[in-house]
């Protein structure tokens, strides 16, 4: 990880991440911790970090969809308190899983590839688990 990646990661940690978690709170009514595996996002170049804005938007939208009413808010609160974000360079490791109150989202944001999940895909998956 070079200086540019370190600066961008620090900016995300101190500015964007707290604001993002606040938005999730506003939609859900409870604290959702976003745990980013920073080493996987800084192992390549700035590109995966720069794509976190897209990931954040999709996650915010998914939470908003699930929490559109009190039933959804309560169901999500009972089932998810942490969102764990991991970046990989292996397309076979791109997946999502909800277990032990944690939503694991593995993306492939490195290099010229971009494998992510849309808000609708995440919402559909999570709704099926609630």
N, C-alpha and C. Protein backbone atom coordinates (compact mmCIF):
# COMPACT_ATOMS: atom_id res chain seq x y z
N UNK A 1 0.85 -1.17 0.00
CA UNK A 1 0.00 0.00 0.00
C UNK A 1 0.90 1.23 0.00
N UNK A 2 0.64 2.08 -0.96
CA UNK A 2 1.41 3.31 -1.06
C UNK A 2 0.77 4.45 -0.29
N UNK A 3 1.38 5.59 -0.36
CA UNK A 3 0.91 6.77 0.36
C UNK A 3 -0.51 7.17 -0.09
N UNK A 4 -0.77 7.10 -1.38
CA UNK A 4 -2.09 7.48 -1.88
C UNK A 4 -3.17 6.59 -1.28
N UNK A 5 -2.93 5.27 -1.22
CA UNK A 5 -3.91 4.34 -0.64
C UNK A 5 -4.08 4.60 0.86
N UNK A 6 -2.98 4.89 1.54
CA UNK A 6 -3.05 5.17 2.98
C UNK A 6 -3.90 6.41 3.24
N UNK A 7 -3.68 7.45 2.45
CA UNK A 7 -4.44 8.69 2.64
C UNK A 7 -5.92 8.48 2.34
N UNK A 8 -6.21 7.78 1.26
CA UNK A 8 -7.61 7.54 0.89
C UNK A 8 -8.30 6.66 1.93
N UNK A 9 -7.63 5.61 2.39
CA UNK A 9 -8.21 4.74 3.42
C UNK A 9 -8.47 5.53 4.69
N UNK A 10 -7.54 6.37 5.10
CA UNK A 10 -7.73 7.18 6.31
C UNK A 10 -8.89 8.14 6.15
N UNK A 11 -9.02 8.73 5.00
CA UNK A 11 -10.14 9.64 4.73
C UNK A 11 -11.47 8.90 4.82
N UNK A 12 -11.52 7.71 4.28
CA UNK A 12 -12.76 6.92 4.35
C UNK A 12 -13.06 6.55 5.80
N UNK A 13 -12.05 6.11 6.53
CA UNK A 13 -12.22 5.70 7.93
C UNK A 13 -12.74 6.84 8.80
N UNK A 14 -12.19 8.03 8.61
CA UNK A 14 -12.50 9.13 9.52
C UNK A 14 -13.66 10.01 9.06
N UNK A 15 -13.95 10.03 7.77
CA UNK A 15 -15.00 10.91 7.27
C UNK A 15 -16.19 10.14 6.69
N UNK A 16 -15.94 9.34 5.69
CA UNK A 16 -17.05 8.68 4.98
C UNK A 16 -17.72 7.58 5.79
N UNK A 17 -16.93 6.75 6.47
CA UNK A 17 -17.50 5.63 7.20
C UNK A 17 -18.43 6.07 8.34
N UNK A 18 -18.03 7.02 9.18
CA UNK A 18 -18.97 7.47 10.22
C UNK A 18 -20.26 8.07 9.64
N UNK A 19 -20.15 8.83 8.57
CA UNK A 19 -21.34 9.41 7.93
C UNK A 19 -22.21 8.31 7.35
N UNK A 20 -21.59 7.30 6.76
CA UNK A 20 -22.32 6.17 6.19
C UNK A 20 -23.06 5.39 7.28
N UNK A 21 -22.37 5.11 8.39
CA UNK A 21 -23.02 4.40 9.49
C UNK A 21 -24.17 5.22 10.07
N UNK A 22 -24.05 6.52 10.08
CA UNK A 22 -25.14 7.39 10.55
C UNK A 22 -26.35 7.27 9.62
N UNK A 23 -26.13 7.21 8.32
CA UNK A 23 -27.23 7.04 7.37
C UNK A 23 -27.93 5.71 7.60
N UNK A 24 -27.15 4.66 7.85
CA UNK A 24 -27.76 3.35 8.12
C UNK A 24 -28.61 3.41 9.38
N UNK A 25 -28.13 4.12 10.38
CA UNK A 25 -28.89 4.30 11.62
C UNK A 25 -30.21 5.03 11.35
N UNK A 26 -30.14 6.07 10.55
CA UNK A 26 -31.34 6.85 10.24
C UNK A 26 -32.40 6.00 9.54
N UNK A 27 -31.98 5.08 8.69
CA UNK A 27 -32.93 4.21 7.98
C UNK A 27 -33.44 3.07 8.86
N UNK A 28 -32.56 2.51 9.70
CA UNK A 28 -32.91 1.30 10.44
C UNK A 28 -33.39 1.55 11.86
N UNK A 29 -32.95 2.65 12.45
CA UNK A 29 -33.32 2.94 13.83
C UNK A 29 -32.41 2.28 14.85
N UNK A 30 -31.36 1.64 14.42
CA UNK A 30 -30.39 1.04 15.35
C UNK A 30 -28.99 1.10 14.72
N UNK A 31 -27.98 0.88 15.55
CA UNK A 31 -26.59 0.96 15.07
C UNK A 31 -26.20 -0.29 14.31
N UNK A 32 -25.74 -0.09 13.10
CA UNK A 32 -25.18 -1.16 12.28
C UNK A 32 -23.71 -0.82 12.08
N UNK A 33 -22.84 -1.71 12.54
CA UNK A 33 -21.41 -1.51 12.40
C UNK A 33 -20.96 -2.00 11.02
N UNK A 34 -20.18 -1.19 10.35
CA UNK A 34 -19.61 -1.58 9.07
C UNK A 34 -18.14 -1.87 9.31
N UNK A 35 -17.77 -3.13 9.14
CA UNK A 35 -16.41 -3.61 9.40
C UNK A 35 -15.74 -3.86 8.05
N UNK A 36 -14.78 -3.03 7.73
CA UNK A 36 -14.09 -3.13 6.44
C UNK A 36 -12.73 -3.80 6.64
N UNK A 37 -12.48 -4.84 5.88
CA UNK A 37 -11.18 -5.50 5.91
C UNK A 37 -10.23 -4.63 5.07
N UNK A 38 -9.63 -3.65 5.72
CA UNK A 38 -8.83 -2.63 5.02
C UNK A 38 -7.69 -3.24 4.22
N UNK A 39 -7.07 -4.28 4.74
CA UNK A 39 -5.94 -4.88 4.04
C UNK A 39 -6.35 -5.38 2.65
N UNK A 40 -7.58 -5.88 2.53
CA UNK A 40 -8.03 -6.39 1.23
C UNK A 40 -8.39 -5.26 0.27
N UNK A 41 -8.67 -4.08 0.80
CA UNK A 41 -9.01 -2.94 -0.05
C UNK A 41 -7.79 -2.12 -0.44
N UNK A 42 -6.68 -2.31 0.25
CA UNK A 42 -5.48 -1.53 -0.04
C UNK A 42 -4.35 -2.38 -0.61
N UNK A 43 -4.59 -3.65 -0.84
CA UNK A 43 -3.55 -4.56 -1.31
C UNK A 43 -3.18 -4.35 -2.77
N UNK A 44 -4.03 -3.68 -3.53
CA UNK A 44 -3.81 -3.57 -4.97
C UNK A 44 -3.39 -2.15 -5.35
N UNK A 45 -4.36 -1.26 -5.36
CA UNK A 45 -4.13 0.14 -5.69
C UNK A 45 -5.33 0.92 -5.13
N UNK A 46 -5.50 2.14 -5.54
CA UNK A 46 -6.61 2.97 -5.03
C UNK A 46 -7.98 2.54 -5.54
N UNK A 47 -7.99 1.78 -6.61
CA UNK A 47 -9.25 1.48 -7.28
C UNK A 47 -10.31 0.85 -6.36
N UNK A 48 -10.00 -0.21 -5.61
CA UNK A 48 -11.02 -0.77 -4.73
C UNK A 48 -11.56 0.24 -3.71
N UNK A 49 -10.66 1.07 -3.19
CA UNK A 49 -11.10 2.09 -2.23
C UNK A 49 -12.02 3.11 -2.89
N UNK A 50 -11.70 3.48 -4.12
CA UNK A 50 -12.52 4.47 -4.81
C UNK A 50 -13.90 3.92 -5.14
N UNK A 51 -14.03 2.62 -5.22
CA UNK A 51 -15.33 2.00 -5.51
C UNK A 51 -16.18 1.78 -4.25
N UNK A 52 -15.64 2.05 -3.09
CA UNK A 52 -16.42 1.90 -1.86
C UNK A 52 -17.64 2.81 -1.85
N UNK A 53 -17.57 3.97 -2.50
CA UNK A 53 -18.75 4.84 -2.57
C UNK A 53 -19.92 4.13 -3.22
N UNK A 54 -19.65 3.37 -4.27
CA UNK A 54 -20.71 2.62 -4.96
C UNK A 54 -21.25 1.54 -4.03
N UNK A 55 -20.36 0.84 -3.35
CA UNK A 55 -20.76 -0.20 -2.40
C UNK A 55 -21.60 0.41 -1.28
N UNK A 56 -21.16 1.53 -0.73
CA UNK A 56 -21.91 2.21 0.33
C UNK A 56 -23.31 2.58 -0.15
N UNK A 57 -23.41 3.10 -1.37
CA UNK A 57 -24.73 3.48 -1.91
C UNK A 57 -25.65 2.28 -2.01
N UNK A 58 -25.14 1.16 -2.49
CA UNK A 58 -25.96 -0.05 -2.61
C UNK A 58 -26.39 -0.58 -1.25
N UNK A 59 -25.49 -0.54 -0.28
CA UNK A 59 -25.83 -1.01 1.06
C UNK A 59 -26.87 -0.09 1.70
N UNK A 60 -26.67 1.21 1.56
CA UNK A 60 -27.66 2.15 2.12
C UNK A 60 -29.03 1.91 1.51
N UNK A 61 -29.07 1.73 0.21
CA UNK A 61 -30.33 1.50 -0.48
C UNK A 61 -30.98 0.20 -0.04
N UNK A 62 -30.20 -0.85 0.15
CA UNK A 62 -30.74 -2.13 0.61
C UNK A 62 -31.34 -1.99 2.01
N UNK A 63 -30.64 -1.31 2.90
CA UNK A 63 -31.15 -1.10 4.27
C UNK A 63 -32.44 -0.29 4.21
N UNK A 64 -32.47 0.72 3.39
CA UNK A 64 -33.66 1.56 3.24
C UNK A 64 -34.84 0.72 2.75
N UNK A 65 -34.59 -0.19 1.79
CA UNK A 65 -35.66 -1.06 1.27
C UNK A 65 -36.21 -1.98 2.35
N UNK A 66 -35.31 -2.63 3.08
CA UNK A 66 -35.74 -3.56 4.13
C UNK A 66 -36.48 -2.81 5.24
N UNK A 67 -35.99 -1.63 5.58
CA UNK A 67 -36.52 -0.87 6.71
C UNK A 67 -37.60 0.12 6.30
N UNK A 68 -38.34 -0.19 5.26
CA UNK A 68 -39.39 0.72 4.80
C UNK A 68 -40.59 0.74 5.73
N UNK A 69 -40.67 -0.23 6.64
CA UNK A 69 -41.75 -0.25 7.63
C UNK A 69 -41.20 -0.84 8.94
N UNK A 70 -42.02 -0.81 9.98
CA UNK A 70 -41.57 -1.29 11.30
C UNK A 70 -41.28 -2.79 11.30
N UNK A 71 -42.02 -3.55 10.51
CA UNK A 71 -41.79 -5.00 10.44
C UNK A 71 -40.39 -5.28 9.91
N UNK A 72 -40.02 -4.59 8.85
CA UNK A 72 -38.69 -4.76 8.28
C UNK A 72 -37.60 -4.30 9.22
N UNK A 73 -37.82 -3.16 9.88
CA UNK A 73 -36.83 -2.65 10.82
C UNK A 73 -36.57 -3.65 11.94
N UNK A 74 -37.65 -4.19 12.50
CA UNK A 74 -37.52 -5.14 13.61
C UNK A 74 -36.84 -6.43 13.14
N UNK A 75 -37.23 -6.93 11.97
CA UNK A 75 -36.63 -8.17 11.45
C UNK A 75 -35.14 -7.99 11.19
N UNK A 76 -34.75 -6.86 10.64
CA UNK A 76 -33.33 -6.62 10.37
C UNK A 76 -32.56 -6.47 11.67
N UNK A 77 -33.15 -5.77 12.63
CA UNK A 77 -32.48 -5.56 13.92
C UNK A 77 -32.22 -6.88 14.63
N UNK A 78 -33.15 -7.82 14.50
CA UNK A 78 -33.00 -9.13 15.14
C UNK A 78 -31.96 -10.00 14.44
N UNK A 79 -31.66 -9.70 13.17
CA UNK A 79 -30.84 -10.61 12.38
C UNK A 79 -29.47 -10.06 11.96
N UNK A 80 -29.28 -8.74 12.02
CA UNK A 80 -28.04 -8.17 11.50
C UNK A 80 -27.60 -6.97 12.31
N UNK A 81 -26.37 -7.01 12.81
CA UNK A 81 -25.83 -5.86 13.52
C UNK A 81 -24.49 -5.40 12.93
N UNK A 82 -23.90 -6.26 12.09
CA UNK A 82 -22.60 -5.96 11.49
C UNK A 82 -22.65 -6.26 9.99
N UNK A 83 -22.02 -5.41 9.22
CA UNK A 83 -21.80 -5.68 7.80
C UNK A 83 -20.29 -5.73 7.61
N UNK A 84 -19.80 -6.88 7.16
CA UNK A 84 -18.37 -7.11 6.97
C UNK A 84 -18.06 -7.03 5.48
N UNK A 85 -17.23 -6.08 5.08
CA UNK A 85 -16.86 -5.89 3.68
C UNK A 85 -15.45 -6.39 3.43
N UNK A 86 -15.32 -7.23 2.41
CA UNK A 86 -14.02 -7.77 2.03
C UNK A 86 -13.87 -7.66 0.52
N UNK A 87 -12.69 -7.33 0.09
CA UNK A 87 -12.36 -7.27 -1.33
C UNK A 87 -11.48 -8.48 -1.67
N UNK A 88 -11.67 -9.02 -2.86
CA UNK A 88 -10.87 -10.17 -3.28
C UNK A 88 -10.47 -10.01 -4.75
N UNK A 89 -9.42 -10.69 -5.14
CA UNK A 89 -9.07 -10.72 -6.55
C UNK A 89 -9.50 -12.04 -7.19
N UNK A 90 -10.19 -12.89 -6.43
CA UNK A 90 -10.65 -14.19 -6.91
C UNK A 90 -12.16 -14.16 -7.10
N UNK A 91 -12.60 -14.23 -8.33
CA UNK A 91 -14.05 -14.15 -8.62
C UNK A 91 -14.83 -15.29 -7.96
N UNK A 92 -14.18 -16.39 -7.63
CA UNK A 92 -14.85 -17.50 -6.95
C UNK A 92 -15.17 -17.18 -5.49
N UNK A 93 -14.56 -16.15 -4.95
CA UNK A 93 -14.78 -15.76 -3.56
C UNK A 93 -15.83 -14.65 -3.42
N UNK A 94 -16.38 -14.18 -4.53
CA UNK A 94 -17.43 -13.15 -4.49
C UNK A 94 -18.71 -13.81 -4.00
N UNK A 95 -19.21 -13.36 -2.84
CA UNK A 95 -20.41 -13.98 -2.26
C UNK A 95 -20.97 -13.08 -1.17
N UNK A 96 -22.19 -13.43 -0.75
CA UNK A 96 -22.77 -12.79 0.41
C UNK A 96 -23.36 -13.87 1.30
N UNK A 97 -23.28 -13.62 2.61
CA UNK A 97 -23.78 -14.59 3.57
C UNK A 97 -24.21 -13.85 4.83
N UNK A 98 -25.36 -14.23 5.36
CA UNK A 98 -25.85 -13.67 6.63
C UNK A 98 -25.80 -14.78 7.66
N UNK A 99 -24.92 -14.61 8.65
CA UNK A 99 -24.85 -15.58 9.74
C UNK A 99 -24.32 -14.89 10.99
N UNK A 100 -24.80 -15.36 12.13
CA UNK A 100 -24.35 -14.85 13.42
C UNK A 100 -24.45 -13.33 13.49
N UNK A 101 -25.56 -12.77 13.02
CA UNK A 101 -25.84 -11.33 13.05
C UNK A 101 -24.89 -10.51 12.19
N UNK A 102 -24.16 -11.16 11.29
CA UNK A 102 -23.23 -10.46 10.42
C UNK A 102 -23.56 -10.76 8.97
N UNK A 103 -23.64 -9.69 8.17
CA UNK A 103 -23.80 -9.83 6.73
C UNK A 103 -22.40 -9.72 6.13
N UNK A 104 -21.92 -10.83 5.57
CA UNK A 104 -20.61 -10.86 4.93
C UNK A 104 -20.79 -10.56 3.45
N UNK A 105 -20.13 -9.53 2.97
CA UNK A 105 -20.18 -9.17 1.55
C UNK A 105 -18.75 -9.18 1.01
N UNK A 106 -18.49 -10.11 0.11
CA UNK A 106 -17.18 -10.22 -0.53
C UNK A 106 -17.32 -9.72 -1.96
N UNK A 107 -16.55 -8.70 -2.29
CA UNK A 107 -16.58 -8.08 -3.60
C UNK A 107 -15.28 -8.34 -4.34
N UNK A 108 -15.32 -8.17 -5.65
CA UNK A 108 -14.10 -8.17 -6.44
C UNK A 108 -13.99 -6.79 -7.08
N UNK A 109 -13.25 -5.92 -6.43
CA UNK A 109 -13.14 -4.53 -6.88
C UNK A 109 -11.75 -4.20 -7.39
N UNK A 110 -10.89 -5.19 -7.45
CA UNK A 110 -9.50 -4.95 -7.84
C UNK A 110 -9.32 -5.00 -9.35
N UNK A 111 -8.30 -4.31 -9.82
CA UNK A 111 -7.93 -4.35 -11.22
C UNK A 111 -9.01 -3.82 -12.13
N UNK A 112 -9.14 -4.42 -13.30
CA UNK A 112 -10.13 -3.94 -14.27
C UNK A 112 -11.48 -4.61 -14.09
N UNK A 113 -11.62 -5.44 -13.08
CA UNK A 113 -12.88 -6.14 -12.83
C UNK A 113 -13.72 -5.37 -11.83
N UNK A 114 -14.98 -5.71 -11.80
CA UNK A 114 -15.88 -5.12 -10.82
C UNK A 114 -17.03 -6.08 -10.60
N UNK A 115 -16.96 -6.84 -9.53
CA UNK A 115 -18.03 -7.75 -9.16
C UNK A 115 -18.56 -7.30 -7.82
N UNK A 116 -19.75 -6.80 -7.84
CA UNK A 116 -20.38 -6.30 -6.64
C UNK A 116 -21.80 -6.83 -6.61
N UNK A 117 -22.56 -6.41 -5.63
CA UNK A 117 -23.96 -6.78 -5.53
C UNK A 117 -24.78 -5.51 -5.57
N UNK A 118 -25.88 -5.54 -6.30
CA UNK A 118 -26.76 -4.38 -6.33
C UNK A 118 -27.59 -4.35 -5.06
N UNK A 119 -28.19 -3.21 -4.80
CA UNK A 119 -29.05 -3.09 -3.63
C UNK A 119 -30.18 -4.11 -3.67
N UNK A 120 -30.74 -4.35 -4.86
CA UNK A 120 -31.85 -5.31 -5.00
C UNK A 120 -31.38 -6.73 -4.73
N UNK A 121 -30.18 -7.08 -5.17
CA UNK A 121 -29.66 -8.42 -4.90
C UNK A 121 -29.44 -8.62 -3.41
N UNK A 122 -28.88 -7.63 -2.75
CA UNK A 122 -28.64 -7.75 -1.29
C UNK A 122 -29.98 -7.81 -0.56
N UNK A 123 -30.90 -6.93 -0.91
CA UNK A 123 -32.20 -6.91 -0.25
C UNK A 123 -32.93 -8.24 -0.43
N UNK A 124 -32.93 -8.76 -1.63
CA UNK A 124 -33.59 -10.04 -1.91
C UNK A 124 -32.97 -11.16 -1.09
N UNK A 125 -31.67 -11.21 -1.03
CA UNK A 125 -30.98 -12.24 -0.26
C UNK A 125 -31.33 -12.12 1.23
N UNK A 126 -31.18 -10.91 1.78
CA UNK A 126 -31.40 -10.71 3.20
C UNK A 126 -32.86 -10.95 3.57
N UNK A 127 -33.79 -10.45 2.76
CA UNK A 127 -35.21 -10.69 3.04
C UNK A 127 -35.51 -12.17 3.13
N UNK A 128 -34.87 -12.98 2.30
CA UNK A 128 -35.06 -14.41 2.34
C UNK A 128 -34.55 -15.06 3.60
N UNK A 129 -33.66 -14.37 4.30
CA UNK A 129 -33.07 -14.90 5.54
C UNK A 129 -33.75 -14.38 6.81
N UNK A 130 -34.60 -13.38 6.66
CA UNK A 130 -35.24 -12.76 7.84
C UNK A 130 -36.47 -13.55 8.28
